[in-house]
């Protein structure tokens, strides 16, 4: 496996942790979640930059945003009690389908 995809996967995890901590920081009024947010986003963007050395930016960003949306929606539901209606779930499903199509059928991803 291309190490850039590993960098991208870890970048997505760091971004999801940072976004979850951002919600928990309560407008940056709680120091620990605020620090996790800053560190997480810094790590996420550093690793994204490494991934972009070999993965086309459009593909990397599609995977980044699609995976992040799905992960944050799940965390929002289970951790923060945020419900999603049928239209939101359908839209997230379309995003996930698009990311899968890019990765399975597109030759642009540099796999």
C-alpha atoms as a PDB file:
ATOM      1  CA  UNK A   1       0.000   0.000   0.000  1.00  0.00           C
ATOM      2  CA  UNK A   2       1.192   3.495  -0.863  1.00  0.00           C
ATOM      3  CA  UNK A   3       2.259   5.240   2.381  1.00  0.00           C
ATOM      4  CA  UNK A   4       0.388   8.350   1.236  1.00  0.00           C
ATOM      5  CA  UNK A   5      -2.891   6.517   1.797  1.00  0.00           C
ATOM      6  CA  UNK A   6      -1.769   5.652   5.318  1.00  0.00           C
ATOM      7  CA  UNK A   7      -0.918   9.331   5.907  1.00  0.00           C
ATOM      8  CA  UNK A   8      -4.335  10.285   4.585  1.00  0.00           C
ATOM      9  CA  UNK A   9      -6.083   7.775   6.857  1.00  0.00           C
ATOM     10  CA  UNK A  10      -4.272   9.034   9.937  1.00  0.00           C
ATOM     11  CA  UNK A  11      -4.944  12.638   8.852  1.00  0.00           C
ATOM     12  CA  UNK A  12      -8.657  11.854   8.680  1.00  0.00           C
ATOM     13  CA  UNK A  13      -8.570  10.300  12.158  1.00  0.00           C
ATOM     14  CA  UNK A  14      -6.732  13.344  13.534  1.00  0.00           C
ATOM     15  CA  UNK A  15      -9.249  15.688  11.902  1.00  0.00           C
ATOM     16  CA  UNK A  16     -12.196  13.730  13.307  1.00  0.00           C
ATOM     17  CA  UNK A  17     -10.690  13.781  16.809  1.00  0.00           C
ATOM     18  CA  UNK A  18      -9.984  17.523  16.455  1.00  0.00           C
ATOM     19  CA  UNK A  19     -13.510  18.274  15.266  1.00  0.00           C
ATOM     20  CA  UNK A  20     -15.014  16.253  18.106  1.00  0.00           C
ATOM     21  CA  UNK A  21     -12.789  18.092  20.575  1.00  0.00           C
ATOM     22  CA  UNK A  22     -13.840  21.398  18.993  1.00  0.00           C
ATOM     23  CA  UNK A  23     -17.448  20.614  19.885  1.00  0.00           C
ATOM     24  CA  UNK A  24     -16.363  19.582  23.375  1.00  0.00           C
ATOM     25  CA  UNK A  25     -14.285  22.764  23.806  1.00  0.00           C
ATOM     26  CA  UNK A  26     -17.515  24.764  24.163  1.00  0.00           C
ATOM     27  CA  UNK A  27     -16.306  27.696  22.090  1.00  0.00           C
ATOM     28  CA  UNK A  28     -12.679  27.280  23.200  1.00  0.00           C
ATOM     29  CA  UNK A  29     -13.658  27.879  26.835  1.00  0.00           C
ATOM     30  CA  UNK A  30     -12.394  24.469  27.969  1.00  0.00           C
ATOM     31  CA  UNK A  31      -8.577  24.290  27.745  1.00  0.00           C
ATOM     32  CA  UNK A  32      -8.012  20.546  27.281  1.00  0.00           C
ATOM     33  CA  UNK A  33     -10.457  20.040  24.382  1.00  0.00           C
ATOM     34  CA  UNK A  34      -9.200  23.310  22.863  1.00  0.00           C
ATOM     35  CA  UNK A  35      -5.617  22.020  22.986  1.00  0.00           C
ATOM     36  CA  UNK A  36      -6.661  18.677  21.469  1.00  0.00           C
ATOM     37  CA  UNK A  37      -8.381  20.635  18.694  1.00  0.00           C
ATOM     38  CA  UNK A  38      -5.287  22.688  17.851  1.00  0.00           C
ATOM     39  CA  UNK A  39      -2.912  19.729  17.970  1.00  0.00           C
ATOM     40  CA  UNK A  40      -5.296  17.485  16.042  1.00  0.00           C
ATOM     41  CA  UNK A  41      -5.813  19.955  13.219  1.00  0.00           C
ATOM     42  CA  UNK A  42      -2.072  20.652  13.028  1.00  0.00           C
ATOM     43  CA  UNK A  43      -1.310  16.942  12.747  1.00  0.00           C
ATOM     44  CA  UNK A  44      -4.142  16.411  10.280  1.00  0.00           C
ATOM     45  CA  UNK A  45      -2.940  19.120   7.898  1.00  0.00           C
ATOM     46  CA  UNK A  46       0.690  18.013   8.167  1.00  0.00           C
ATOM     47  CA  UNK A  47      -0.241  14.439   7.246  1.00  0.00           C
ATOM     48  CA  UNK A  48      -2.581  15.654   4.498  1.00  0.00           C
ATOM     49  CA  UNK A  49       0.341  17.604   3.039  1.00  0.00           C
ATOM     50  CA  UNK A  50       2.445  14.431   3.022  1.00  0.00           C
ATOM     51  CA  UNK A  51      -0.371  12.485   1.368  1.00  0.00           C
ATOM     52  CA  UNK A  52      -0.713  15.126  -1.341  1.00  0.00           C
ATOM     53  CA  UNK A  53       2.810  14.379  -2.549  1.00  0.00           C
ATOM     54  CA  UNK A  54       1.409  11.426  -4.502  1.00  0.00           C
ATOM     55  CA  UNK A  55      -2.397  11.493  -4.217  1.00  0.00           C
ATOM     56  CA  UNK A  56      -4.174  14.006  -6.479  1.00  0.00           C
ATOM     57  CA  UNK A  57      -5.648  16.820  -4.388  1.00  0.00           C
ATOM     58  CA  UNK A  58      -9.210  16.279  -5.652  1.00  0.00           C
ATOM     59  CA  UNK A  59      -9.155  12.587  -4.778  1.00  0.00           C
ATOM     60  CA  UNK A  60      -7.509  13.149  -1.394  1.00  0.00           C
ATOM     61  CA  UNK A  61      -9.971  15.869  -0.482  1.00  0.00           C
ATOM     62  CA  UNK A  62     -12.960  13.800  -1.584  1.00  0.00           C
ATOM     63  CA  UNK A  63     -11.833  10.908   0.604  1.00  0.00           C
ATOM     64  CA  UNK A  64     -10.930  13.293   3.467  1.00  0.00           C
ATOM     65  CA  UNK A  65     -14.258  15.087   3.446  1.00  0.00           C
ATOM     66  CA  UNK A  66     -16.406  12.024   2.790  1.00  0.00           C
ATOM     67  CA  UNK A  67     -14.849   9.922   5.521  1.00  0.00           C
ATOM     68  CA  UNK A  68     -14.849  12.889   7.897  1.00  0.00           C
ATOM     69  CA  UNK A  69     -18.527  13.631   7.301  1.00  0.00           C
ATOM     70  CA  UNK A  70     -19.538  10.040   7.953  1.00  0.00           C
ATOM     71  CA  UNK A  71     -17.348   9.723  11.049  1.00  0.00           C
ATOM     72  CA  UNK A  72     -18.471  13.039  12.545  1.00  0.00           C
ATOM     73  CA  UNK A  73     -22.137  12.210  11.881  1.00  0.00           C
ATOM     74  CA  UNK A  74     -21.709   8.922  13.751  1.00  0.00           C
ATOM     75  CA  UNK A  75     -19.845  10.588  16.628  1.00  0.00           C
ATOM     76  CA  UNK A  76     -22.420  13.375  16.728  1.00  0.00           C
ATOM     77  CA  UNK A  77     -25.189  10.810  17.086  1.00  0.00           C
ATOM     78  CA  UNK A  78     -23.557   8.566  19.696  1.00  0.00           C
ATOM     79  CA  UNK A  79     -21.476  11.042  21.696  1.00  0.00           C
ATOM     80  CA  UNK A  80     -23.351  14.337  21.403  1.00  0.00           C
ATOM     81  CA  UNK A  81     -26.904  13.006  20.959  1.00  0.00           C
ATOM     82  CA  UNK A  82     -27.433  14.769  17.619  1.00  0.00           C
ATOM     83  CA  UNK A  83     -30.114  13.096  15.524  1.00  0.00           C
ATOM     84  CA  UNK A  84     -30.093  12.937  11.722  1.00  0.00           C
ATOM     85  CA  UNK A  85     -33.252  12.822   9.656  1.00  0.00           C
ATOM     86  CA  UNK A  86     -33.793  10.605   6.603  1.00  0.00           C
ATOM     87  CA  UNK A  87     -32.649  13.295   4.149  1.00  0.00           C
ATOM     88  CA  UNK A  88     -29.398  13.803   6.061  1.00  0.00           C
ATOM     89  CA  UNK A  89     -28.747  10.059   6.146  1.00  0.00           C
ATOM     90  CA  UNK A  90     -29.498   9.780   2.425  1.00  0.00           C
ATOM     91  CA  UNK A  91     -27.117  12.647   1.638  1.00  0.00           C
ATOM     92  CA  UNK A  92     -24.357  11.139   3.747  1.00  0.00           C
ATOM     93  CA  UNK A  93     -24.944   7.832   1.969  1.00  0.00           C
ATOM     94  CA  UNK A  94     -24.487   9.555  -1.392  1.00  0.00           C
ATOM     95  CA  UNK A  95     -21.230  11.102  -0.204  1.00  0.00           C
ATOM     96  CA  UNK A  96     -19.990   7.729   0.990  1.00  0.00           C
ATOM     97  CA  UNK A  97     -21.002   6.154  -2.323  1.00  0.00           C
ATOM     98  CA  UNK A  98     -19.051   8.817  -4.189  1.00  0.00           C
ATOM     99  CA  UNK A  99     -15.920   8.167  -2.152  1.00  0.00           C
ATOM    100  CA  UNK A 100     -16.266   4.428  -2.790  1.00  0.00           C
ATOM    101  CA  UNK A 101     -16.683   4.979  -6.535  1.00  0.00           C
ATOM    102  CA  UNK A 102     -13.554   7.153  -6.594  1.00  0.00           C
ATOM    103  CA  UNK A 103     -11.518   4.542  -4.773  1.00  0.00           C
ATOM    104  CA  UNK A 104     -12.815   1.418  -6.475  1.00  0.00           C
ATOM    105  CA  UNK A 105     -13.435   2.505 -10.066  1.00  0.00           C
ATOM    106  CA  UNK A 106     -11.362   5.616 -10.731  1.00  0.00           C
ATOM    107  CA  UNK A 107      -7.822   5.420 -12.032  1.00  0.00           C
ATOM    108  CA  UNK A 108      -7.179   8.954 -10.751  1.00  0.00           C
ATOM    109  CA  UNK A 109      -6.444   7.927  -7.187  1.00  0.00           C
ATOM    110  CA  UNK A 110      -2.918   6.726  -7.728  1.00  0.00           C
ATOM    111  CA  UNK A 111      -3.471   3.390  -5.924  1.00  0.00           C
END
